[in-house]
PDB file of N, CA and C in Angstrom:
ATOM      1  N   MET A   1      18.001 -13.237  40.395  1.00  0.00           N
ATOM      2  CA  MET A   1      19.108 -12.319  39.941  1.00  0.00           C
ATOM      3  C   MET A   1      19.264 -12.574  38.443  1.00  0.00           C
ATOM      4  N   LEU A   2      19.142 -13.607  37.802  1.00  0.00           N
ATOM      5  CA  LEU A   2      19.680 -14.296  36.607  1.00  0.00           C
ATOM      6  C   LEU A   2      18.564 -13.674  35.714  1.00  0.00           C
ATOM      7  N   ALA A   3      17.167 -13.759  36.107  1.00  0.00           N
ATOM      8  CA  ALA A   3      16.117 -13.431  35.703  1.00  0.00           C
ATOM      9  C   ALA A   3      16.098 -11.713  35.544  1.00  0.00           C
ATOM     10  N   THR A   4      16.592 -11.127  36.407  1.00  0.00           N
ATOM     11  CA  THR A   4      16.403  -9.803  36.169  1.00  0.00           C
ATOM     12  C   THR A   4      17.611  -9.107  35.251  1.00  0.00           C
ATOM     13  N   LEU A   5      18.820  -9.628  35.362  1.00  0.00           N
ATOM     14  CA  LEU A   5      19.846  -9.571  34.323  1.00  0.00           C
ATOM     15  C   LEU A   5      19.185  -9.655  32.863  1.00  0.00           C
ATOM     16  N   ALA A   6      18.568 -10.994  32.688  1.00  0.00           N
ATOM     17  CA  ALA A   6      18.077 -11.390  31.260  1.00  0.00           C
ATOM     18  C   ALA A   6      17.219 -10.298  30.982  1.00  0.00           C
ATOM     19  N   CYS A   7      15.896  -9.672  31.776  1.00  0.00           N
ATOM     20  CA  CYS A   7      15.108  -8.786  31.599  1.00  0.00           C
ATOM     21  C   CYS A   7      16.100  -7.602  31.142  1.00  0.00           C
ATOM     22  N   VAL A   8      16.871  -6.844  31.809  1.00  0.00           N
ATOM     23  CA  VAL A   8      17.600  -5.697  31.436  1.00  0.00           C
ATOM     24  C   VAL A   8      18.041  -5.892  30.013  1.00  0.00           C
ATOM     25  N   ILE A   9      19.054  -7.340  29.998  1.00  0.00           N
ATOM     26  CA  ILE A   9      19.374  -7.251  28.317  1.00  0.00           C
ATOM     27  C   ILE A   9      18.448  -7.277  27.402  1.00  0.00           C
ATOM     28  N   VAL A  10      17.414  -8.179  27.522  1.00  0.00           N
ATOM     29  CA  VAL A  10      16.536  -8.155  26.472  1.00  0.00           C
ATOM     30  C   VAL A  10      15.819  -6.737  26.209  1.00  0.00           C
ATOM     31  N   SER A  11      15.757  -5.877  27.304  1.00  0.00           N
ATOM     32  CA  SER A  11      14.759  -4.548  26.923  1.00  0.00           C
ATOM     33  C   SER A  11      15.778  -3.538  26.490  1.00  0.00           C
ATOM     34  N   ALA A  12      17.280  -3.839  26.795  1.00  0.00           N
ATOM     35  CA  ALA A  12      18.231  -2.879  26.187  1.00  0.00           C
ATOM     36  C   ALA A  12      18.556  -3.074  24.660  1.00  0.00           C
ATOM     37  N   LEU A  13      18.390  -4.493  24.254  1.00  0.00           N
ATOM     38  CA  LEU A  13      18.433  -4.686  22.872  1.00  0.00           C
ATOM     39  C   LEU A  13      17.241  -4.906  21.798  1.00  0.00           C
ATOM     40  N   PHE A  14      16.053  -4.942  22.650  1.00  0.00           N
ATOM     41  CA  PHE A  14      15.148  -5.192  21.683  1.00  0.00           C
ATOM     42  C   PHE A  14      13.893  -4.065  22.088  1.00  0.00           C
ATOM     43  N   GLU A  15      13.228  -3.748  21.260  1.00  0.00           N
ATOM     44  CA  GLU A  15      12.031  -2.625  21.514  1.00  0.00           C
ATOM     45  C   GLU A  15      10.802  -3.451  21.759  1.00  0.00           C
ATOM     46  N   ILE A  16      10.263  -3.457  22.855  1.00  0.00           N
ATOM     47  CA  ILE A  16       9.045  -4.320  23.193  1.00  0.00           C
ATOM     48  C   ILE A  16       7.779  -3.242  23.187  1.00  0.00           C
ATOM     49  N   ARG A  17       6.782  -3.571  22.270  1.00  0.00           N
ATOM     50  CA  ARG A  17       5.540  -2.675  22.403  1.00  0.00           C
ATOM     51  C   ARG A  17       4.228  -3.501  22.922  1.00  0.00           C
ATOM     52  N   LEU A  18       3.256  -3.033  23.154  1.00  0.00           N
ATOM     53  CA  LEU A  18       2.320  -3.748  23.830  1.00  0.00           C
ATOM     54  C   LEU A  18       1.333  -3.434  22.552  1.00  0.00           C
ATOM     55  N   ARG A  19       0.705  -4.404  21.826  1.00  0.00           N
ATOM     56  CA  ARG A  19      -0.255  -4.227  20.797  1.00  0.00           C
ATOM     57  C   ARG A  19      -1.233  -5.190  20.910  1.00  0.00           C
ATOM     58  N   PRO A  20      -2.125  -5.502  21.812  1.00  0.00           N
ATOM     59  CA  PRO A  20      -3.090  -6.392  22.070  1.00  0.00           C
ATOM     60  C   PRO A  20      -3.886  -6.258  20.494  1.00  0.00           C
ATOM     61  N   GLU A  21      -4.270  -7.515  19.953  1.00  0.00           N
ATOM     62  CA  GLU A  21      -5.077  -7.942  18.924  1.00  0.00           C
ATOM     63  C   GLU A  21      -5.497  -8.969  18.913  1.00  0.00           C
ATOM     64  N   PHE A  22      -7.100  -9.151  18.756  1.00  0.00           N
ATOM     65  CA  PHE A  22      -7.787 -10.350  18.563  1.00  0.00           C
ATOM     66  C   PHE A  22      -8.837 -10.057  17.330  1.00  0.00           C
ATOM     67  N   SER A  23      -8.753 -11.170  16.741  1.00  0.00           N
ATOM     68  CA  SER A  23      -9.957 -11.376  16.011  1.00  0.00           C
ATOM     69  C   SER A  23     -10.375 -12.833  15.451  1.00  0.00           C
ATOM     70  N   LEU A  24     -11.631 -13.082  15.533  1.00  0.00           N
ATOM     71  CA  LEU A  24     -11.945 -14.322  15.194  1.00  0.00           C
ATOM     72  C   LEU A  24     -11.845 -14.781  13.870  1.00  0.00           C
ATOM     73  N   PRO A  25     -11.839 -15.949  13.468  1.00  0.00           N
ATOM     74  CA  PRO A  25     -11.886 -16.284  12.048  1.00  0.00           C
ATOM     75  C   PRO A  25     -12.951 -15.827  11.322  1.00  0.00           C
ATOM     76  N   ARG A  26     -12.748 -15.358  10.353  1.00  0.00           N
ATOM     77  CA  ARG A  26     -13.983 -14.581   9.246  1.00  0.00           C
ATOM     78  C   ARG A  26     -13.714 -14.532   7.956  1.00  0.00           C
ATOM     79  N   GLU A  27     -14.767 -14.301   7.085  1.00  0.00           N
ATOM     80  CA  GLU A  27     -14.865 -13.990   6.005  1.00  0.00           C
ATOM     81  C   GLU A  27     -14.851 -12.734   5.342  1.00  0.00           C
ATOM     82  N   ILE A  28     -14.089 -12.201   4.546  1.00  0.00           N
ATOM     83  CA  ILE A  28     -13.743 -10.572   4.224  1.00  0.00           C
ATOM     84  C   ILE A  28     -14.096 -10.495   2.694  1.00  0.00           C
ATOM     85  N   GLU A  29     -14.520  -9.315   2.286  1.00  0.00           N
ATOM     86  CA  GLU A  29     -14.486  -8.924   0.930  1.00  0.00           C
ATOM     87  C   GLU A  29     -13.494  -8.034   0.820  1.00  0.00           C
ATOM     88  N   LYS A  30     -12.596  -8.192  -0.398  1.00  0.00           N
ATOM     89  CA  LYS A  30     -11.604  -7.219  -0.586  1.00  0.00           C
ATOM     90  C   LYS A  30     -11.293  -7.194  -2.254  1.00  0.00           C
ATOM     91  N   ALA A  31     -10.671  -6.039  -2.560  1.00  0.00           N
ATOM     92  CA  ALA A  31     -10.629  -6.006  -3.827  1.00  0.00           C
ATOM     93  C   ALA A  31      -9.616  -6.858  -4.523  1.00  0.00           C
ATOM     94  N   ASP A  32      -9.814  -7.516  -5.739  1.00  0.00           N
ATOM     95  CA  ASP A  32      -8.956  -8.506  -6.293  1.00  0.00           C
ATOM     96  C   ASP A  32      -7.616  -8.094  -6.786  1.00  0.00           C
ATOM     97  N   PRO A  33      -6.640  -8.586  -6.251  1.00  0.00           N
ATOM     98  CA  PRO A  33      -5.476  -7.851  -6.606  1.00  0.00           C
ATOM     99  C   PRO A  33      -5.003  -7.789  -7.916  1.00  0.00           C
ATOM    100  N   ALA A  34      -5.391  -8.829  -8.648  1.00  0.00           N
ATOM    101  CA  ALA A  34      -4.907  -9.179 -10.010  1.00  0.00           C
ATOM    102  C   ALA A  34      -5.762  -7.949 -11.063  1.00  0.00           C
ATOM    103  N   GLN A  35      -6.902  -7.771 -10.631  1.00  0.00           N
ATOM    104  CA  GLN A  35      -7.881  -6.695 -11.438  1.00  0.00           C
ATOM    105  C   GLN A  35      -7.262  -5.304 -10.954  1.00  0.00           C
ATOM    106  N   GLU A  36      -6.730  -5.307  -9.699  1.00  0.00           N
ATOM    107  CA  GLU A  36      -6.101  -3.854  -9.206  1.00  0.00           C
ATOM    108  C   GLU A  36      -4.999  -3.383  -9.914  1.00  0.00           C
ATOM    109  N   ALA A  37      -3.892  -4.505 -10.259  1.00  0.00           N
ATOM    110  CA  ALA A  37      -2.843  -4.296 -10.962  1.00  0.00           C
ATOM    111  C   ALA A  37      -3.076  -4.272 -12.202  1.00  0.00           C
ATOM    112  N   ARG A  38      -4.035  -4.759 -12.922  1.00  0.00           N
ATOM    113  CA  ARG A  38      -4.284  -4.280 -14.485  1.00  0.00           C
ATOM    114  C   ARG A  38      -4.830  -2.784 -14.581  1.00  0.00           C
ATOM    115  N   TYR A  39      -5.523  -2.809 -13.645  1.00  0.00           N
ATOM    116  CA  TYR A  39      -6.304  -1.224 -13.263  1.00  0.00           C
ATOM    117  C   TYR A  39      -4.938  -0.170 -13.374  1.00  0.00           C
ATOM    118  N   GLN A  40      -4.019  -0.329 -12.364  1.00  0.00           N
ATOM    119  CA  GLN A  40      -2.960   0.444 -12.255  1.00  0.00           C
ATOM    120  C   GLN A  40      -2.009   0.321 -13.507  1.00  0.00           C
ATOM    121  N   ARG A  41      -1.778  -1.025 -14.235  1.00  0.00           N
ATOM    122  CA  ARG A  41      -0.764  -0.766 -15.142  1.00  0.00           C
ATOM    123  C   ARG A  41      -1.528   0.272 -16.294  1.00  0.00           C
ATOM    124  N   CYS A  42      -2.910   0.306 -16.635  1.00  0.00           N
ATOM    125  CA  CYS A  42      -3.568   0.753 -17.478  1.00  0.00           C
ATOM    126  C   CYS A  42      -3.748   2.554 -17.373  1.00  0.00           C
ATOM    127  N   VAL A  43      -3.699   2.735 -16.022  1.00  0.00           N
ATOM    128  CA  VAL A  43      -3.354   4.164 -15.448  1.00  0.00           C
ATOM    129  C   VAL A  43      -1.970   4.511 -15.831  1.00  0.00           C
ATOM    130  N   ASP A  44      -1.059   3.937 -15.480  1.00  0.00           N
ATOM    131  CA  ASP A  44       0.090   4.120 -15.757  1.00  0.00           C
ATOM    132  C   ASP A  44       0.561   4.588 -17.105  1.00  0.00           C
ATOM    133  N   ALA A  45      -0.201   3.527 -17.986  1.00  0.00           N
ATOM    134  CA  ALA A  45       0.204   3.607 -19.513  1.00  0.00           C
ATOM    135  C   ALA A  45      -0.226   5.054 -19.939  1.00  0.00           C
ATOM    136  N   LEU A  46      -1.662   4.936 -19.559  1.00  0.00           N
ATOM    137  CA  LEU A  46      -2.069   6.392 -20.056  1.00  0.00           C
ATOM    138  C   LEU A  46      -1.858   7.569 -19.698  1.00  0.00           C
ATOM    139  N   THR A  47      -1.404   7.668 -18.461  1.00  0.00           N
ATOM    140  CA  THR A  47      -0.590   8.934 -17.751  1.00  0.00           C
ATOM    141  C   THR A  47       0.671   9.098 -18.405  1.00  0.00           C
ATOM    142  N   ASP A  48       1.708   7.741 -18.702  1.00  0.00           N
ATOM    143  CA  ASP A  48       3.000   8.097 -19.542  1.00  0.00           C
ATOM    144  C   ASP A  48       2.602   8.667 -20.553  1.00  0.00           C
ATOM    145  N   GLU A  49       1.766   7.988 -21.540  1.00  0.00           N
ATOM    146  CA  GLU A  49       1.512   8.387 -22.820  1.00  0.00           C
ATOM    147  C   GLU A  49       1.272  10.215 -22.951  1.00  0.00           C
ATOM    148  N   ALA A  50       0.281  10.613 -21.894  1.00  0.00           N
ATOM    149  CA  ALA A  50      -0.321  12.079 -21.519  1.00  0.00           C
ATOM    150  C   ALA A  50       1.040  12.722 -21.166  1.00  0.00           C
ATOM    151  N   THR A  51       1.753  12.473 -20.532  1.00  0.00           N
ATOM    152  CA  THR A  51       3.210  13.081 -20.184  1.00  0.00           C
ATOM    153  C   THR A  51       4.109  13.271 -21.237  1.00  0.00           C
ATOM    154  N   ARG A  52       4.272  12.536 -22.443  1.00  0.00           N
ATOM    155  CA  ARG A  52       5.061  12.481 -23.447  1.00  0.00           C
ATOM    156  C   ARG A  52       4.456  13.861 -24.129  1.00  0.00           C
ATOM    157  N   ARG A  53       2.868  13.522 -24.322  1.00  0.00           N
ATOM    158  CA  ARG A  53       2.363  14.553 -25.176  1.00  0.00           C
ATOM    159  C   ARG A  53       2.398  15.897 -24.620  1.00  0.00           C
ATOM    160  N   ALA A  54       2.413  16.164 -23.359  1.00  0.00           N
ATOM    161  CA  ALA A  54       2.422  17.276 -22.841  1.00  0.00           C
ATOM    162  C   ALA A  54       3.884  17.908 -23.004  1.00  0.00           C
ATOM    163  N   PHE A  55       4.572  17.125 -23.076  1.00  0.00           N
ATOM    164  CA  PHE A  55       6.254  17.714 -23.047  1.00  0.00           C
ATOM    165  C   PHE A  55       6.491  18.262 -24.445  1.00  0.00           C
ATOM    166  N   GLU A  56       5.626  17.204 -25.275  1.00  0.00           N
ATOM    167  CA  GLU A  56       6.035  17.712 -26.599  1.00  0.00           C
ATOM    168  C   GLU A  56       5.052  18.881 -27.210  1.00  0.00           C
ATOM    169  N   ALA A  57       4.378  19.134 -26.496  1.00  0.00           N
ATOM    170  CA  ALA A  57       2.964  20.076 -26.733  1.00  0.00           C
ATOM    171  C   ALA A  57       3.218  21.449 -26.485  1.00  0.00           C
ATOM    172  N   ALA A  58       3.906  21.568 -24.945  1.00  0.00           N
ATOM    173  CA  ALA A  58       3.940  22.784 -24.109  1.00  0.00           C
ATOM    174  C   ALA A  58       5.471  22.805 -23.842  1.00  0.00           C
ATOM    175  N   ASP A  59       5.950  24.148 -23.801  1.00  0.00           N
ATOM    176  CA  ASP A  59       7.445  24.416 -22.973  1.00  0.00           C
ATOM    177  C   ASP A  59       7.270  24.987 -21.489  1.00  0.00           C
ATOM    178  N   ASN A  60       6.105  25.412 -21.259  1.00  0.00           N
ATOM    179  CA  ASN A  60       5.620  25.886 -20.198  1.00  0.00           C
ATOM    180  C   ASN A  60       5.477  25.066 -18.828  1.00  0.00           C
ATOM    181  N   PRO A  61       6.184  24.790 -17.887  1.00  0.00           N
ATOM    182  CA  PRO A  61       5.879  23.641 -16.890  1.00  0.00           C
ATOM    183  C   PRO A  61       4.571  23.705 -16.248  1.00  0.00           C
ATOM    184  N   ASP A  62       3.789  25.000 -16.184  1.00  0.00           N
ATOM    185  CA  ASP A  62       2.736  24.979 -15.685  1.00  0.00           C
ATOM    186  C   ASP A  62       1.359  24.191 -16.530  1.00  0.00           C
ATOM    187  N   VAL A  63       1.786  24.547 -17.732  1.00  0.00           N
ATOM    188  CA  VAL A  63       0.775  24.326 -18.831  1.00  0.00           C
ATOM    189  C   VAL A  63       0.985  22.602 -19.000  1.00  0.00           C
ATOM    190  N   GLN A  64       1.914  22.192 -18.976  1.00  0.00           N
ATOM    191  CA  GLN A  64       2.439  20.698 -18.713  1.00  0.00           C
ATOM    192  C   GLN A  64       1.730  19.711 -17.850  1.00  0.00           C
ATOM    193  N   SER A  65       1.967  20.651 -16.315  1.00  0.00           N
ATOM    194  CA  SER A  65       1.285  19.947 -15.445  1.00  0.00           C
ATOM    195  C   SER A  65      -0.199  20.018 -15.570  1.00  0.00           C
ATOM    196  N   LEU A  66      -1.061  20.763 -15.818  1.00  0.00           N
ATOM    197  CA  LEU A  66      -2.231  20.956 -16.243  1.00  0.00           C
ATOM    198  C   LEU A  66      -2.785  20.028 -17.224  1.00  0.00           C
ATOM    199  N   MET A  67      -2.045  19.844 -18.145  1.00  0.00           N
ATOM    200  CA  MET A  67      -2.519  19.149 -19.181  1.00  0.00           C
ATOM    201  C   MET A  67      -2.548  17.430 -18.515  1.00  0.00           C
ATOM    202  N   ILE A  68      -1.314  17.245 -17.872  1.00  0.00           N
ATOM    203  CA  ILE A  68      -0.727  15.930 -17.279  1.00  0.00           C
ATOM    204  C   ILE A  68      -1.981  15.531 -16.261  1.00  0.00           C
ATOM    205  N   ARG A  69      -2.595  16.693 -15.498  1.00  0.00           N
ATOM    206  CA  ARG A  69      -3.553  15.992 -14.551  1.00  0.00           C
ATOM    207  C   ARG A  69      -4.884  15.985 -15.061  1.00  0.00           C
ATOM    208  N   MET A  70      -4.952  16.779 -16.185  1.00  0.00           N
ATOM    209  CA  MET A  70      -6.645  16.657 -16.749  1.00  0.00           C
ATOM    210  C   MET A  70      -6.229  15.133 -17.506  1.00  0.00           C
ATOM    211  N   GLN A  71      -5.415  14.845 -18.137  1.00  0.00           N
ATOM    212  CA  GLN A  71      -5.302  13.496 -18.428  1.00  0.00           C
ATOM    213  C   GLN A  71      -5.580  12.483 -17.843  1.00  0.00           C
ATOM    214  N   GLN A  72      -4.794  12.680 -16.679  1.00  0.00           N
ATOM    215  CA  GLN A  72      -4.446  11.340 -15.610  1.00  0.00           C
ATOM    216  C   GLN A  72      -6.068  11.319 -15.197  1.00  0.00           C
ATOM    217  N   LYS A  73      -6.935  12.324 -14.985  1.00  0.00           N
ATOM    218  CA  LYS A  73      -8.287  12.165 -14.535  1.00  0.00           C
ATOM    219  C   LYS A  73      -9.239  11.228 -15.359  1.00  0.00           C
ATOM    220  N   GLU A  74      -8.743  11.689 -16.532  1.00  0.00           N
ATOM    221  CA  GLU A  74      -9.658  10.833 -17.563  1.00  0.00           C
ATOM    222  C   GLU A  74      -9.122   9.597 -17.804  1.00  0.00           C
ATOM    223  N   ALA A  75      -7.555   9.513 -17.666  1.00  0.00           N
ATOM    224  CA  ALA A  75      -7.289   7.896 -17.577  1.00  0.00           C
ATOM    225  C   ALA A  75      -8.087   7.045 -16.519  1.00  0.00           C
ATOM    226  N   ILE A  76      -8.069   7.683 -15.174  1.00  0.00           N
ATOM    227  CA  ILE A  76      -8.371   7.105 -14.021  1.00  0.00           C
ATOM    228  C   ILE A  76      -9.926   6.462 -14.482  1.00  0.00           C
ATOM    229  N   ASP A  77     -10.632   7.171 -14.908  1.00  0.00           N
ATOM    230  CA  ASP A  77     -12.251   7.174 -15.237  1.00  0.00           C
ATOM    231  C   ASP A  77     -12.143   5.878 -16.286  1.00  0.00           C
ATOM    232  N   ARG A  78     -11.256   6.302 -17.587  1.00  0.00           N
ATOM    233  CA  ARG A  78     -11.372   5.159 -18.724  1.00  0.00           C
ATOM    234  C   ARG A  78     -10.813   4.028 -18.095  1.00  0.00           C
ATOM    235  N   CYS A  79      -9.985   3.897 -17.169  1.00  0.00           N
ATOM    236  CA  CYS A  79      -9.654   2.234 -16.793  1.00  0.00           C
ATOM    237  C   CYS A  79     -10.130   1.797 -15.911  1.00  0.00           C
ATOM    238  N   ARG A  80     -11.085   2.595 -15.130  1.00  0.00           N
ATOM    239  CA  ARG A  80     -11.921   1.955 -14.028  1.00  0.00           C
ATOM    240  C   ARG A  80     -12.933   1.251 -14.748  1.00  0.00           C
ATOM    241  N   HIS A  81     -13.667   1.793 -15.977  1.00  0.00           N
ATOM    242  CA  HIS A  81     -14.425   1.512 -16.917  1.00  0.00           C
ATOM    243  C   HIS A  81     -14.107   0.038 -17.802  1.00  0.00           C
ATOM    244  N   GLU A  82     -12.863   0.249 -17.895  1.00  0.00           N
ATOM    245  CA  GLU A  82     -12.416  -1.238 -18.636  1.00  0.00           C
ATOM    246  C   GLU A  82     -12.188  -2.239 -17.679  1.00  0.00           C
ATOM    247  N   TYR A  83     -11.659  -1.694 -16.346  1.00  0.00           N
ATOM    248  CA  TYR A  83     -11.098  -2.728 -15.418  1.00  0.00           C
ATOM    249  C   TYR A  83     -11.935  -2.595 -13.962  1.00  0.00           C
ATOM    250  N   PRO A  84     -13.130  -2.991 -14.035  1.00  0.00           N
ATOM    251  CA  PRO A  84     -14.054  -2.595 -12.860  1.00  0.00           C
ATOM    252  C   PRO A  84     -13.609  -3.265 -11.662  1.00  0.00           C
ATOM    253  N   GLU A  85     -13.817  -2.518 -10.452  1.00  0.00           N
ATOM    254  CA  GLU A  85     -13.433  -3.143  -9.200  1.00  0.00           C
ATOM    255  C   GLU A  85     -14.051  -4.521  -8.937  1.00  0.00           C
ATOM    256  N   ARG A  86     -13.097  -5.553  -8.867  1.00  0.00           N
ATOM    257  CA  ARG A  86     -13.824  -6.858  -8.501  1.00  0.00           C
ATOM    258  C   ARG A  86     -13.718  -7.445  -7.311  1.00  0.00           C
ATOM    259  N   ARG A  87     -14.260  -7.535  -6.371  1.00  0.00           N
ATOM    260  CA  ARG A  87     -14.443  -8.116  -5.031  1.00  0.00           C
ATOM    261  C   ARG A  87     -14.496  -9.390  -5.034  1.00  0.00           C
ATOM    262  N   ILE A  88     -13.331 -10.039  -3.926  1.00  0.00           N
ATOM    263  CA  ILE A  88     -13.042 -11.526  -3.936  1.00  0.00           C
ATOM    264  C   ILE A  88     -13.555 -11.512  -2.481  1.00  0.00           C
ATOM    265  N   SER A  89     -13.739 -13.042  -2.045  1.00  0.00           N
ATOM    266  CA  SER A  89     -14.056 -13.246  -0.497  1.00  0.00           C
ATOM    267  C   SER A  89     -12.887 -13.933   0.091  1.00  0.00           C
ATOM    268  N   VAL A  90     -12.202 -13.582   0.926  1.00  0.00           N
ATOM    269  CA  VAL A  90     -11.020 -13.988   1.742  1.00  0.00           C
ATOM    270  C   VAL A  90     -11.165 -14.352   3.007  1.00  0.00           C
ATOM    271  N   SER A  91     -10.915 -15.573   3.389  1.00  0.00           N
ATOM    272  CA  SER A  91     -11.003 -16.360   4.499  1.00  0.00           C
ATOM    273  C   SER A  91      -9.617 -15.702   5.623  1.00  0.00           C
ATOM    274  N   GLU A  92     -10.265 -15.019   6.794  1.00  0.00           N
ATOM    275  CA  GLU A  92      -9.077 -14.586   7.773  1.00  0.00           C
ATOM    276  C   GLU A  92      -9.159 -15.191   8.622  1.00  0.00           C
ATOM    277  N   PRO A  93      -7.758 -16.040   9.162  1.00  0.00           N
ATOM    278  CA  PRO A  93      -7.771 -16.751  10.280  1.00  0.00           C
ATOM    279  C   PRO A  93      -7.634 -15.968  11.584  1.00  0.00           C
ATOM    280  N   LEU A  94      -7.907 -16.815  12.573  1.00  0.00           N
ATOM    281  CA  LEU A  94      -7.947 -16.242  13.818  1.00  0.00           C
ATOM    282  C   LEU A  94      -6.602 -15.812  14.199  1.00  0.00           C
ATOM    283  N   ARG A  95      -6.359 -14.422  14.784  1.00  0.00           N
ATOM    284  CA  ARG A  95      -5.691 -13.523  14.952  1.00  0.00           C
ATOM    285  C   ARG A  95      -5.536 -13.446  16.494  1.00  0.00           C
ATOM    286  N   PHE A  96      -4.276 -13.410  17.190  1.00  0.00           N
ATOM    287  CA  PHE A  96      -4.194 -13.359  18.475  1.00  0.00           C
ATOM    288  C   PHE A  96      -2.736 -12.797  18.833  1.00  0.00           C
ATOM    289  N   ASN A  97      -2.434 -11.471  19.342  1.00  0.00           N
ATOM    290  CA  ASN A  97      -0.934 -11.012  19.612  1.00  0.00           C
ATOM    291  C   ASN A  97      -1.271 -10.019  20.678  1.00  0.00           C
ATOM    292  N   LEU A  98      -0.288 -10.099  21.621  1.00  0.00           N
ATOM    293  CA  LEU A  98       0.159  -9.298  22.459  1.00  0.00           C
ATOM    294  C   LEU A  98       1.155  -8.039  22.584  1.00  0.00           C
ATOM    295  N   VAL A  99       2.333  -8.858  22.346  1.00  0.00           N
ATOM    296  CA  VAL A  99       3.325  -8.000  22.285  1.00  0.00           C
ATOM    297  C   VAL A  99       4.123  -8.073  20.900  1.00  0.00           C
ATOM    298  N   ASP A 100       4.590  -7.095  20.423  1.00  0.00           N
ATOM    299  CA  ASP A 100       5.546  -6.980  19.371  1.00  0.00           C
ATOM    300  C   ASP A 100       7.154  -6.798  19.829  1.00  0.00           C
ATOM    301  N   VAL A 101       7.831  -7.564  19.270  1.00  0.00           N
ATOM    302  CA  VAL A 101       9.241  -7.241  19.733  1.00  0.00           C
ATOM    303  C   VAL A 101      10.080  -7.178  18.488  1.00  0.00           C
ATOM    304  N   SER A 102      10.974  -6.022  18.553  1.00  0.00           N
ATOM    305  CA  SER A 102      11.826  -5.762  17.378  1.00  0.00           C
ATOM    306  C   SER A 102      13.123  -5.272  17.953  1.00  0.00           C
ATOM    307  N   LEU A 103      14.195  -5.590  16.848  1.00  0.00           N
ATOM    308  CA  LEU A 103      15.548  -5.120  17.387  1.00  0.00           C
ATOM    309  C   LEU A 103      15.780  -3.616  17.771  1.00  0.00           C
ATOM    310  N   ARG A 104      16.397  -3.293  18.411  1.00  0.00           N
ATOM    311  CA  ARG A 104      16.342  -1.880  18.853  1.00  0.00           C
ATOM    312  C   ARG A 104      17.450  -1.147  17.870  1.00  0.00           C
ATOM    313  N   PHE A 105      18.343  -2.108  17.375  1.00  0.00           N
ATOM    314  CA  PHE A 105      19.530  -1.427  16.908  1.00  0.00           C
ATOM    315  C   PHE A 105      19.729  -2.300  15.577  1.00  0.00           C
ATOM    316  N   GLY A 106      19.762  -2.018  14.488  1.00  0.00           N
ATOM    317  CA  GLY A 106      20.018  -2.671  13.274  1.00  0.00           C
ATOM    318  C   GLY A 106      19.302  -2.060  12.139  1.00  0.00           C
ATOM    319  N   GLU A 107      18.535  -2.878  11.211  1.00  0.00           N
ATOM    320  CA  GLU A 107      18.157  -2.669  10.036  1.00  0.00           C
ATOM    321  C   GLU A 107      16.919  -1.634   9.743  1.00  0.00           C
ATOM    322  N   GLU A 108      16.942  -0.713   9.011  1.00  0.00           N
ATOM    323  CA  GLU A 108      16.059   0.428   9.059  1.00  0.00           C
ATOM    324  C   GLU A 108      15.758   0.850   7.523  1.00  0.00           C
TER     325      GLU A 108
END
C-alpha cells in the first residue's frame, strides 16, 4: 500500500522518460573548441564590420541585407582559411542510462 502511494506521488511530481542508452568507452575525434571559438570570433568581427559598412553605404534595407550576406560568405571562407578546422581526440567514458527523471513543475 505504501509503495503504491509512493509511486503515485513520484509520478505526479516527476516526469519519467525511458531513454535507454549504452555506449562502451571509446576514443572519438571532434573539433577543437578553442580553434572553433577563434574562428567564430573572426566571423563575428568581419560580419559586424560588413554590417557597419552596409548601413553607411546604403539606405535600402534589401541592399543592406544583400551586402551583409555577401560579406558574410567571404568572412566564413576567409576565417576558415585563417583558422582551419583542427580535430582532437577525446576519450568518451562508459555511458549507461535507462530512465530520465525531471520535475514536472518548476524551472523552464
